[in-house]
Amino acid sequence: MTQTITCEAVWEMIHETGRLIQEMAREDRERWERLDRMSQETERMSQETDRKFQETARQMKETDRKLDRLGSRLGEFVEGLVAPACETLFAARGIPVHKVSRRVVAKLPGGRYMEIDLFVVNSTAVSLVEVKSKLTVEDVREHLIRMGEFKQFFPEYADKRAFGAVAGMVIEENVRLFAINQGLFVIEQAGETLRMANDDDFVPRAW
């Protein structure tokens, strides 16, 4: 038996279909709105994270700058302590001192650069003193390279003997022994004064 579909039933089906379509559209719209909010929140969090990273980087740079400035001032302070002691310390080792200069600089083509913390001079010899608040083995190695290149940067002293020295307020035993074994004078703190850590039989290396 054939079922007759009335006009009212057709309109009801159309109305129900429209309602379902509207409901699906509403749900889709809500989903897109949620996604949009999530995207905006993610973007906001990303921007906030970037801002925090940038602020942290800025603070780290500022800290590095302050540490560099502090390190420079500390280095100058230590140099100020070592410089006046050089005359008596080197004279006691048979190296008379005519002049002590601080921060002597020379440059060569190609961007090559050398800075000597304390430059001790007499008529026949010069001494290059590297000064650190805490001396390390790496500092000693770098000074040995400096000694090897010294006369390239300062050819006016080619006819003089060059001696190397390192100085520090804090020098561990292994660093002290390494420097002495390399033929360097070692100036260290002893109470409220400075002294040569080398024994009386020490023979300095001359460059």
Protein backbone atom coordinates (compact mmCIF):
# COMPACT_ATOMS: atom_id res chain seq x y z
CA MET A 1 0.00 0.00 0.00
CA THR A 2 1.47 3.30 -1.04
CA GLN A 3 1.95 5.88 1.70
CA THR A 4 0.75 9.33 0.76
CA ILE A 5 3.05 12.22 1.71
CA THR A 6 1.09 15.30 2.49
CA CYS A 7 2.16 18.89 1.95
CA GLU A 8 2.30 19.34 5.68
CA ALA A 9 4.77 16.47 5.98
CA VAL A 10 6.97 17.91 3.21
CA TRP A 11 7.02 21.31 4.90
CA GLU A 12 7.82 19.67 8.19
CA MET A 13 10.72 17.77 6.59
CA ILE A 14 11.99 20.98 4.98
CA HIS A 15 11.67 22.81 8.27
CA GLU A 16 13.48 20.03 10.15
CA THR A 17 16.24 19.92 7.51
CA GLY A 18 16.67 23.69 7.77
CA ARG A 19 16.81 23.41 11.54
CA LEU A 20 19.46 20.67 11.31
CA ILE A 21 21.48 22.74 8.83
CA GLN A 22 21.30 25.76 11.13
CA GLU A 23 22.29 23.61 14.09
CA MET A 24 25.25 22.17 12.17
CA ALA A 25 26.25 25.68 11.06
CA ARG A 26 26.00 26.92 14.64
CA GLU A 27 28.17 24.04 15.87
CA ASP A 28 30.68 24.68 13.08
CA ARG A 29 30.73 28.39 13.96
CA GLU A 30 31.29 27.57 17.62
CA ARG A 31 34.11 25.20 16.72
CA TRP A 32 35.76 27.88 14.58
CA GLU A 33 35.33 30.43 17.35
CA ARG A 34 36.96 28.02 19.82
CA LEU A 35 39.79 27.39 17.40
CA ASP A 36 40.17 31.12 16.84
CA ARG A 37 40.30 31.76 20.59
CA MET A 38 42.85 28.96 21.01
CA SER A 39 44.89 30.41 18.15
CA GLN A 40 44.76 33.88 19.67
CA GLU A 41 45.71 32.50 23.08
CA THR A 42 48.57 30.52 21.55
CA GLU A 43 49.73 33.65 19.73
CA ARG A 44 49.46 35.68 22.92
CA MET A 45 51.43 33.05 24.85
CA SER A 46 54.01 32.91 22.06
CA GLN A 47 54.38 36.70 22.12
CA GLU A 48 54.64 36.64 25.90
CA THR A 49 57.26 33.89 25.71
CA ASP A 50 59.20 35.88 23.10
CA ARG A 51 58.97 38.97 25.30
CA LYS A 52 60.27 37.02 28.30
CA PHE A 53 63.10 35.55 26.22
CA GLN A 54 64.04 39.02 24.97
CA GLU A 55 63.91 40.42 28.50
CA THR A 56 66.05 37.54 29.79
CA ALA A 57 68.56 38.08 26.97
CA ARG A 58 68.67 41.80 27.77
CA GLN A 59 69.23 41.09 31.46
CA MET A 60 71.99 38.58 30.63
CA LYS A 61 73.72 41.12 28.41
CA GLU A 62 73.46 43.72 31.15
CA THR A 63 74.89 41.24 33.67
CA ASP A 64 77.75 40.38 31.29
CA ARG A 65 78.43 44.08 30.81
CA LYS A 66 78.54 44.67 34.56
CA LEU A 67 80.80 41.64 35.09
CA ASP A 68 83.12 42.83 32.33
CA ARG A 69 83.27 46.28 33.90
CA LEU A 70 83.85 44.77 37.34
CA GLY A 71 86.51 42.44 35.97
CA SER A 72 88.24 45.33 34.25
CA ARG A 73 88.24 47.42 37.43
CA LEU A 74 89.48 44.46 39.47
CA GLY A 75 92.24 43.88 36.93
CA GLU A 76 93.26 47.53 37.12
CA PHE A 77 93.26 47.31 40.91
CA VAL A 78 95.52 44.25 40.90
CA GLU A 79 97.82 45.88 38.35
CA GLY A 80 98.02 48.88 40.67
CA LEU A 81 99.24 46.59 43.44
CA VAL A 82 101.74 44.66 41.33
CA ALA A 83 103.27 47.58 39.40
CA PRO A 84 105.06 49.29 42.33
CA ALA A 85 106.32 45.92 43.61
CA CYS A 86 108.00 45.03 40.30
CA GLU A 87 111.00 47.28 40.90
CA THR A 88 112.07 45.60 44.13
CA LEU A 89 111.04 42.07 43.09
CA PHE A 90 112.97 42.11 39.80
CA ALA A 91 115.93 43.97 41.30
CA ALA A 92 116.23 41.22 43.88
CA ARG A 93 116.60 38.77 40.96
CA GLY A 94 119.39 40.76 39.36
CA ILE A 95 117.17 42.59 36.89
CA PRO A 96 117.30 46.32 37.62
CA VAL A 97 114.21 48.28 36.68
CA HIS A 98 114.34 51.66 34.97
CA LYS A 99 110.67 51.97 34.07
CA VAL A 100 107.35 50.19 34.63
CA SER A 101 104.54 50.94 32.18
CA ARG A 102 100.94 49.78 32.34
CA ARG A 103 98.77 48.62 29.44
CA VAL A 104 101.33 48.84 26.65
CA VAL A 105 99.69 48.16 23.27
CA ALA A 106 101.00 47.36 19.79
CA LYS A 107 99.25 46.51 16.52
CA LEU A 108 100.31 44.79 13.33
CA PRO A 109 98.68 44.58 9.88
CA GLY A 110 95.87 42.08 9.58
CA GLY A 111 94.22 43.10 12.81
CA ARG A 112 96.89 41.54 15.01
CA TYR A 113 97.01 43.06 18.46
CA MET A 114 99.05 42.71 21.65
CA GLU A 115 98.51 44.26 25.05
CA ILE A 116 101.01 43.95 27.90
CA ASP A 117 99.61 44.50 31.38
CA LEU A 118 102.91 45.62 32.93
CA PHE A 119 106.02 46.35 30.86
CA VAL A 120 109.25 46.42 32.88
CA VAL A 121 112.29 47.92 31.12
CA ASN A 122 115.99 48.47 31.76
CA SER A 123 118.94 49.08 29.44
CA THR A 124 119.51 45.42 28.53
CA ALA A 125 116.28 43.57 29.26
CA VAL A 126 112.50 43.81 29.36
CA SER A 127 109.97 41.84 31.34
CA LEU A 128 106.36 41.26 30.31
CA VAL A 129 104.07 40.77 33.29
CA GLU A 130 100.59 39.29 32.84
CA VAL A 131 98.36 40.21 35.78
CA LYS A 132 95.20 38.35 36.84
CA SER A 133 93.07 38.37 39.95
CA LYS A 134 93.04 34.56 39.68
CA LEU A 135 95.71 33.06 37.46
CA THR A 136 94.89 29.93 35.44
CA VAL A 137 96.92 27.50 33.35
CA GLU A 138 95.25 28.93 30.24
CA ASP A 139 96.43 32.42 31.24
CA VAL A 140 99.98 31.06 31.46
CA ARG A 141 99.73 29.40 28.05
CA GLU A 142 98.45 32.62 26.48
CA HIS A 143 101.34 34.55 28.03
CA LEU A 144 103.84 32.07 26.62
CA ILE A 145 102.39 32.74 23.15
CA ARG A 146 102.63 36.47 23.87
CA MET A 147 106.29 36.06 24.81
CA GLY A 148 107.00 34.20 21.57
CA GLU A 149 105.42 36.95 19.48
CA PHE A 150 106.68 39.92 21.52
CA LYS A 151 109.56 40.99 19.27
CA GLN A 152 107.33 40.86 16.17
CA PHE A 153 105.14 43.50 17.78
CA PHE A 154 107.99 45.43 19.41
CA PRO A 155 110.99 45.17 17.04
CA GLU A 156 112.65 48.13 18.81
CA TYR A 157 113.45 45.69 21.62
CA ALA A 158 114.91 43.00 19.36
CA ASP A 159 118.39 43.43 20.90
CA LYS A 160 117.16 43.01 24.48
CA ARG A 161 116.52 39.87 26.47
CA ALA A 162 112.84 39.41 27.21
CA PHE A 163 111.64 37.70 30.37
CA GLY A 164 108.13 36.61 31.17
CA ALA A 165 106.27 36.92 34.45
CA VAL A 166 102.76 36.18 35.66
CA ALA A 167 101.10 37.66 38.72
CA GLY A 168 97.91 36.88 40.58
CA MET A 169 96.19 37.38 43.88
CA VAL A 170 95.03 33.76 43.72
CA ILE A 171 97.35 31.14 42.20
CA GLU A 172 96.75 27.44 42.72
CA GLU A 173 99.75 25.17 43.21
CA ASN A 174 99.46 23.40 39.85
CA VAL A 175 99.31 26.75 38.04
CA ARG A 176 102.31 28.07 39.98
CA LEU A 177 104.40 24.99 39.16
CA PHE A 178 103.38 25.03 35.50
CA ALA A 179 104.43 28.66 35.09
CA ILE A 180 107.74 28.14 36.88
CA ASN A 181 108.50 25.02 34.80
CA GLN A 182 107.92 27.13 31.68
CA GLY A 183 110.61 29.56 32.80
CA LEU A 184 108.33 32.36 34.00
CA PHE A 185 108.64 34.46 37.11
CA VAL A 186 105.59 34.08 39.34
CA ILE A 187 104.49 37.00 41.51
CA GLU A 188 102.00 36.03 44.21
CA GLN A 189 100.37 37.46 47.27
CA ALA A 190 101.96 36.67 50.63
CA GLY A 191 99.91 38.18 53.41
CA GLU A 192 99.76 41.91 52.80
CA THR A 193 102.76 41.93 50.44
CA LEU A 194 103.83 40.40 47.14
CA ARG A 195 106.71 38.01 46.55
CA MET A 196 108.37 35.95 43.86
CA ALA A 197 107.26 32.33 44.19
CA ASN A 198 110.40 31.14 42.34
CA ASP A 199 113.18 29.70 44.50
CA ASP A 200 116.67 31.22 44.59
CA ASP A 201 118.03 28.67 42.09
CA PHE A 202 115.43 29.51 39.44
CA VAL A 203 116.86 30.39 36.03
CA PRO A 204 114.33 32.38 33.93
CA ARG A 205 113.79 31.63 30.28
CA ALA A 206 114.87 34.43 27.97
CA TRP A 207 113.19 35.16 24.63
